[in-house]
N, C-alpha and C. Protein backbone atom coordinates (compact mmCIF):
# COMPACT_ATOMS: atom_id res chain seq x y z
N MET A 1 -19.03 3.80 10.07
CA MET A 1 -18.69 4.66 8.64
C MET A 1 -17.53 5.30 8.60
N ASN A 2 -16.52 5.05 7.51
CA ASN A 2 -15.40 5.67 7.87
C ASN A 2 -15.22 7.03 7.03
N ARG A 3 -14.67 8.27 7.65
CA ARG A 3 -14.77 9.35 6.84
C ARG A 3 -13.60 9.57 6.24
N PHE A 4 -12.57 8.91 6.32
CA PHE A 4 -11.48 9.24 5.53
C PHE A 4 -11.37 8.71 3.95
N LYS A 5 -10.69 10.09 3.07
CA LYS A 5 -10.60 9.40 1.90
C LYS A 5 -8.94 9.06 1.64
N TYR A 6 -8.61 7.63 1.08
CA TYR A 6 -7.32 7.35 1.10
C TYR A 6 -6.46 7.86 -0.07
N HIS A 7 -5.24 8.33 -0.10
CA HIS A 7 -4.59 8.85 -1.18
C HIS A 7 -4.17 8.02 -2.11
N ILE A 8 -4.22 6.41 -1.46
CA ILE A 8 -3.63 5.25 -2.09
C ILE A 8 -4.78 4.33 -2.24
N LYS A 9 -4.63 3.41 -3.32
CA LYS A 9 -5.89 2.15 -3.54
C LYS A 9 -5.01 0.78 -3.74
N ARG A 10 -5.92 0.05 -3.70
CA ARG A 10 -5.27 -1.21 -3.58
C ARG A 10 -4.53 -1.52 -5.32
N GLY A 11 -3.39 -2.00 -5.30
CA GLY A 11 -2.88 -2.28 -6.90
C GLY A 11 -2.18 -1.05 -7.42
N ASP A 12 -2.32 -0.10 -6.40
CA ASP A 12 -1.15 1.33 -6.68
C ASP A 12 0.08 0.97 -6.48
N THR A 13 1.14 1.54 -7.09
CA THR A 13 2.51 1.51 -6.60
C THR A 13 2.90 2.53 -5.71
N VAL A 14 3.57 2.37 -4.37
CA VAL A 14 3.97 3.42 -3.27
C VAL A 14 5.54 3.32 -3.16
N LYS A 15 5.78 4.19 -2.93
CA LYS A 15 7.13 4.19 -2.17
C LYS A 15 7.03 4.44 -0.46
N ILE A 16 7.74 3.88 0.27
CA ILE A 16 8.01 3.56 1.59
C ILE A 16 8.66 4.79 1.74
N LEU A 17 8.28 6.09 2.81
CA LEU A 17 9.05 6.93 3.29
C LEU A 17 9.99 6.83 4.59
N SER A 18 9.38 5.65 5.40
CA SER A 18 10.28 5.73 6.69
C SER A 18 10.20 4.28 7.16
N GLY A 19 11.11 4.18 8.13
CA GLY A 19 11.13 2.51 8.43
C GLY A 19 12.20 1.78 7.73
N ASN A 20 12.34 0.59 8.00
CA ASN A 20 13.53 -0.20 7.54
C ASN A 20 13.44 -0.59 5.94
N ALA A 21 12.15 -0.50 5.57
CA ALA A 21 12.24 -0.61 3.96
C ALA A 21 12.33 1.05 3.59
N ARG A 22 12.69 1.97 4.13
CA ARG A 22 12.33 3.22 3.45
C ARG A 22 13.38 3.62 2.25
N GLY A 23 12.72 3.98 1.11
CA GLY A 23 12.78 4.19 -0.06
C GLY A 23 12.44 3.06 -1.07
N SER A 24 12.02 1.93 -0.80
CA SER A 24 11.76 0.79 -1.58
C SER A 24 10.41 1.13 -2.42
N THR A 25 9.86 0.48 -3.28
CA THR A 25 8.76 0.84 -3.77
C THR A 25 8.09 -0.67 -4.13
N GLY A 26 6.99 -0.69 -3.80
CA GLY A 26 6.05 -2.17 -4.07
C GLY A 26 4.63 -1.45 -4.23
N LYS A 27 3.71 -2.87 -4.59
CA LYS A 27 2.25 -2.57 -5.18
C LYS A 27 1.76 -2.96 -3.53
N VAL A 28 0.61 -2.33 -3.81
CA VAL A 28 -0.24 -2.50 -2.52
C VAL A 28 -1.12 -3.48 -2.56
N LEU A 29 -1.06 -4.47 -1.49
CA LEU A 29 -1.92 -5.52 -1.67
C LEU A 29 -3.38 -5.40 -0.92
N PHE A 30 -3.27 -4.57 0.02
CA PHE A 30 -4.76 -4.76 0.94
C PHE A 30 -4.45 -3.48 1.93
N ILE A 31 -5.87 -2.69 1.85
CA ILE A 31 -5.71 -1.77 2.70
C ILE A 31 -6.64 -1.73 3.98
N ASP A 32 -6.45 -1.95 5.19
CA ASP A 32 -7.05 -1.94 6.41
C ASP A 32 -7.86 -0.69 6.66
N THR A 33 -9.10 -0.32 6.38
CA THR A 33 -9.76 1.26 6.62
C THR A 33 -9.85 1.33 8.13
N LYS A 34 -9.91 0.34 8.93
CA LYS A 34 -10.34 0.62 10.22
C LYS A 34 -8.76 0.91 11.08
N LYS A 35 -7.72 0.24 10.87
CA LYS A 35 -6.45 0.44 11.33
C LYS A 35 -5.45 1.47 10.67
N TYR A 36 -6.19 1.98 9.33
CA TYR A 36 -5.39 2.75 8.47
C TYR A 36 -3.85 2.60 8.12
N ARG A 37 -4.14 1.38 7.83
CA ARG A 37 -2.41 0.65 7.66
C ARG A 37 -2.68 -0.08 5.96
N ALA A 38 -1.51 -0.65 5.63
CA ALA A 38 -1.90 -1.24 4.31
C ALA A 38 -0.76 -2.03 4.17
N LEU A 39 -0.96 -3.34 3.28
CA LEU A 39 -0.01 -4.49 3.34
C LEU A 39 0.64 -4.14 1.75
N VAL A 40 2.31 -4.19 1.64
CA VAL A 40 2.78 -3.82 0.59
C VAL A 40 3.65 -4.87 -0.08
N GLU A 41 3.47 -5.48 -1.09
CA GLU A 41 4.00 -6.75 -1.51
C GLU A 41 5.44 -6.90 -1.57
N GLY A 42 5.95 -7.92 -0.78
CA GLY A 42 7.38 -7.79 -0.80
C GLY A 42 8.00 -6.98 0.20
N LEU A 43 7.47 -6.10 0.84
CA LEU A 43 8.11 -5.34 2.02
C LEU A 43 7.77 -5.37 3.39
N ASN A 44 8.49 -4.86 4.29
CA ASN A 44 8.16 -4.85 5.59
C ASN A 44 7.91 -6.26 5.99
N MET A 45 8.84 -7.15 5.80
CA MET A 45 8.63 -8.63 6.18
C MET A 45 9.17 -9.01 7.28
N VAL A 46 8.53 -9.85 7.94
CA VAL A 46 8.56 -10.30 9.49
C VAL A 46 8.50 -11.62 9.57
N THR A 47 9.29 -12.35 10.68
CA THR A 47 9.23 -13.83 10.48
C THR A 47 7.94 -14.13 11.61
N LYS A 48 7.30 -15.35 11.01
CA LYS A 48 6.24 -15.80 11.93
C LYS A 48 6.62 -16.86 12.04
N HIS A 49 6.45 -17.70 13.45
CA HIS A 49 6.76 -19.08 13.68
C HIS A 49 5.11 -19.80 13.92
N ILE A 50 5.24 -20.95 13.50
CA ILE A 50 4.38 -21.48 12.87
C ILE A 50 3.97 -23.21 13.66
N LYS A 51 3.08 -23.29 14.69
CA LYS A 51 2.95 -24.21 15.54
C LYS A 51 2.52 -25.54 14.50
N PRO A 52 3.11 -26.65 14.85
CA PRO A 52 2.56 -27.68 13.82
C PRO A 52 1.28 -28.00 14.27
N LYS A 53 0.30 -28.08 13.40
CA LYS A 53 -0.94 -28.65 13.72
C LYS A 53 -1.34 -29.96 12.64
N THR A 54 -2.59 -30.30 13.44
CA THR A 54 -2.97 -31.31 12.33
C THR A 54 -3.66 -30.99 10.94
N SER A 55 -4.05 -30.15 10.87
CA SER A 55 -4.77 -29.46 9.58
C SER A 55 -3.91 -29.49 8.39
N LYS A 56 -4.53 -29.26 7.22
CA LYS A 56 -3.56 -29.32 6.10
C LYS A 56 -3.02 -28.25 5.55
N VAL A 57 -2.90 -27.02 6.39
CA VAL A 57 -2.36 -26.02 6.06
C VAL A 57 -0.64 -26.05 6.31
N LYS A 58 -0.33 -26.40 7.40
CA LYS A 58 1.15 -26.46 7.66
C LYS A 58 1.08 -27.49 8.74
N PRO A 59 0.90 -28.76 8.53
CA PRO A 59 1.20 -29.71 9.49
C PRO A 59 2.69 -30.13 10.17
N GLU A 60 3.59 -29.56 9.32
CA GLU A 60 5.09 -29.73 10.08
C GLU A 60 5.28 -28.53 10.61
N GLY A 61 4.57 -27.35 10.66
CA GLY A 61 5.12 -26.17 11.36
C GLY A 61 6.31 -25.65 10.64
N GLY A 62 6.95 -24.41 11.50
CA GLY A 62 8.13 -24.08 11.19
C GLY A 62 8.34 -22.59 11.33
N ILE A 63 9.18 -22.01 10.60
CA ILE A 63 9.29 -20.60 10.62
C ILE A 63 9.18 -19.94 8.88
N THR A 64 8.40 -18.85 8.92
CA THR A 64 8.15 -18.21 7.51
C THR A 64 8.13 -16.94 7.51
N LYS A 65 8.41 -16.30 6.38
CA LYS A 65 8.16 -14.83 6.48
C LYS A 65 7.18 -14.36 5.75
N LYS A 66 6.42 -13.29 6.07
CA LYS A 66 5.52 -12.66 5.52
C LYS A 66 5.41 -10.94 5.68
N GLU A 67 4.44 -10.15 4.95
CA GLU A 67 4.56 -8.75 4.85
C GLU A 67 3.75 -8.48 6.34
N ALA A 68 3.81 -7.31 6.85
CA ALA A 68 3.67 -6.81 7.67
C ALA A 68 2.88 -5.45 7.30
N SER A 69 2.07 -4.84 8.21
CA SER A 69 1.16 -3.69 7.45
C SER A 69 2.01 -2.84 7.65
N ILE A 70 1.69 -1.36 6.96
CA ILE A 70 2.43 -0.23 7.14
C ILE A 70 1.46 0.74 7.37
N HIS A 71 1.74 1.99 8.07
CA HIS A 71 0.87 3.01 8.34
C HIS A 71 0.68 3.87 6.84
N ILE A 72 -0.50 4.09 6.63
CA ILE A 72 -0.63 4.74 5.31
C ILE A 72 -0.12 5.92 5.18
N SER A 73 0.24 6.67 6.32
CA SER A 73 0.79 7.93 6.22
C SER A 73 2.41 7.94 5.80
N ASN A 74 3.02 6.32 6.20
CA ASN A 74 4.31 6.35 5.59
C ASN A 74 4.28 5.89 4.19
N LEU A 75 3.28 6.16 3.50
CA LEU A 75 3.56 5.38 2.02
C LEU A 75 3.08 6.69 1.11
N MET A 76 3.97 6.93 0.00
CA MET A 76 3.67 7.74 -1.04
C MET A 76 3.48 7.19 -2.61
N LEU A 77 2.37 7.60 -3.30
CA LEU A 77 1.95 7.20 -4.34
C LEU A 77 3.14 7.37 -5.46
N VAL A 78 3.32 6.52 -6.24
CA VAL A 78 4.58 6.76 -7.31
C VAL A 78 3.92 7.21 -8.67
N ASP A 79 4.05 8.10 -9.29
CA ASP A 79 3.13 8.50 -10.43
C ASP A 79 3.32 7.80 -11.82
N PRO A 80 2.64 7.01 -12.40
CA PRO A 80 2.85 6.06 -13.07
C PRO A 80 3.52 6.65 -14.51
N ALA A 81 3.30 8.03 -14.55
CA ALA A 81 3.75 8.87 -15.67
C ALA A 81 5.41 9.03 -15.62
N THR A 82 5.81 9.69 -14.61
CA THR A 82 7.38 9.97 -14.31
C THR A 82 7.98 8.98 -13.50
N GLY A 83 7.59 7.82 -12.67
CA GLY A 83 8.17 7.18 -11.93
C GLY A 83 8.43 7.01 -10.92
N LYS A 84 8.14 8.71 -10.20
CA LYS A 84 8.41 9.19 -9.15
C LYS A 84 7.43 9.40 -8.13
N ALA A 85 7.82 9.50 -7.04
CA ALA A 85 6.70 9.77 -5.73
C ALA A 85 6.33 11.11 -5.72
N THR A 86 4.92 11.15 -5.71
CA THR A 86 4.40 12.41 -5.78
C THR A 86 2.97 12.59 -4.65
N ARG A 87 2.71 13.70 -4.41
CA ARG A 87 1.57 14.02 -3.63
C ARG A 87 -0.09 14.13 -4.55
N ILE A 88 -0.74 13.90 -3.65
CA ILE A 88 -2.06 13.53 -4.71
C ILE A 88 -3.23 14.66 -4.05
N GLY A 89 -3.88 15.10 -5.18
CA GLY A 89 -4.85 15.75 -5.18
C GLY A 89 -6.08 15.41 -6.07
N ARG A 90 -7.28 16.28 -5.41
CA ARG A 90 -8.59 15.38 -6.10
C ARG A 90 -9.30 16.84 -6.86
N LYS A 91 -9.61 16.52 -8.12
CA LYS A 91 -10.51 17.54 -8.78
C LYS A 91 -11.65 16.62 -10.01
N ILE A 92 -12.75 17.62 -10.28
CA ILE A 92 -13.61 17.03 -11.05
C ILE A 92 -12.87 16.52 -12.32
N ASN A 93 -13.26 15.41 -13.06
CA ASN A 93 -13.01 15.17 -14.28
C ASN A 93 -14.00 15.66 -15.63
N ASP A 94 -13.64 15.22 -16.56
CA ASP A 94 -14.54 15.62 -18.13
C ASP A 94 -16.03 14.97 -17.65
N LYS A 95 -16.06 13.93 -16.82
CA LYS A 95 -17.34 13.42 -16.54
C LYS A 95 -18.16 13.75 -15.31
N GLY A 96 -17.37 14.52 -14.72
CA GLY A 96 -18.30 15.41 -13.58
C GLY A 96 -17.88 14.53 -12.46
N LYS A 97 -17.00 13.63 -12.52
CA LYS A 97 -16.51 12.60 -11.17
C LYS A 97 -15.31 12.99 -10.58
N LEU A 98 -15.18 12.97 -9.12
CA LEU A 98 -14.20 13.42 -8.36
C LEU A 98 -13.04 12.43 -8.79
N GLN A 99 -11.65 12.72 -9.30
CA GLN A 99 -10.68 11.91 -9.68
C GLN A 99 -9.43 12.35 -8.87
N ARG A 100 -8.40 11.29 -8.83
CA ARG A 100 -7.01 11.58 -8.30
C ARG A 100 -6.28 12.22 -9.12
N PHE A 101 -5.16 12.98 -8.71
CA PHE A 101 -4.21 13.47 -9.78
C PHE A 101 -3.18 13.94 -9.29
N SER A 102 -2.05 13.66 -10.16
CA SER A 102 -0.67 14.09 -9.48
C SER A 102 -0.18 15.47 -9.13
N LYS A 103 0.51 16.08 -8.05
CA LYS A 103 0.36 17.13 -8.29
C LYS A 103 1.67 17.94 -8.82
N VAL A 104 2.43 16.93 -9.02
CA VAL A 104 3.85 17.43 -9.76
C VAL A 104 3.51 17.52 -11.39
N THR A 105 2.65 16.47 -12.05
CA THR A 105 2.47 16.71 -13.43
C THR A 105 1.18 17.47 -13.73
N GLY A 106 0.06 16.97 -12.58
CA GLY A 106 -1.16 17.71 -12.63
C GLY A 106 -2.09 16.88 -13.70
N GLU A 107 -1.49 15.68 -14.07
CA GLU A 107 -2.21 14.38 -15.02
C GLU A 107 -3.19 13.58 -13.90
N PHE A 108 -3.99 13.39 -14.57
CA PHE A 108 -5.18 12.39 -14.05
C PHE A 108 -4.59 11.07 -13.41
N ILE A 109 -4.56 10.14 -12.29
CA ILE A 109 -4.08 8.99 -11.89
C ILE A 109 -5.15 7.86 -11.89
N LYS A 110 -5.12 6.81 -12.96
CA LYS A 110 -6.40 5.89 -13.54
C LYS A 110 -7.14 6.08 -12.58
């Protein structure tokens, strides 16, 4: 069982804080909860060499580019209201449910 609460979710727009893609923004495609890593669309691209196989996936083989995962601590959520990166807090909304909010504006995030 995983005890962590993540500050980002799949579909969020995030800003990368460190690494080769520092400063760029992208949409979160997948979060690996066991490794504490996330895939961001179009960022942190790596080159993969694919061996020729008889299957229908890639019979000719070749070199492709694909996204590599980034540690979640290197990602910061972009506030939909302002378009700037913001820290995240949690507080109870009108319906009595715990919801994420922006520390900059104080507004709830979807």
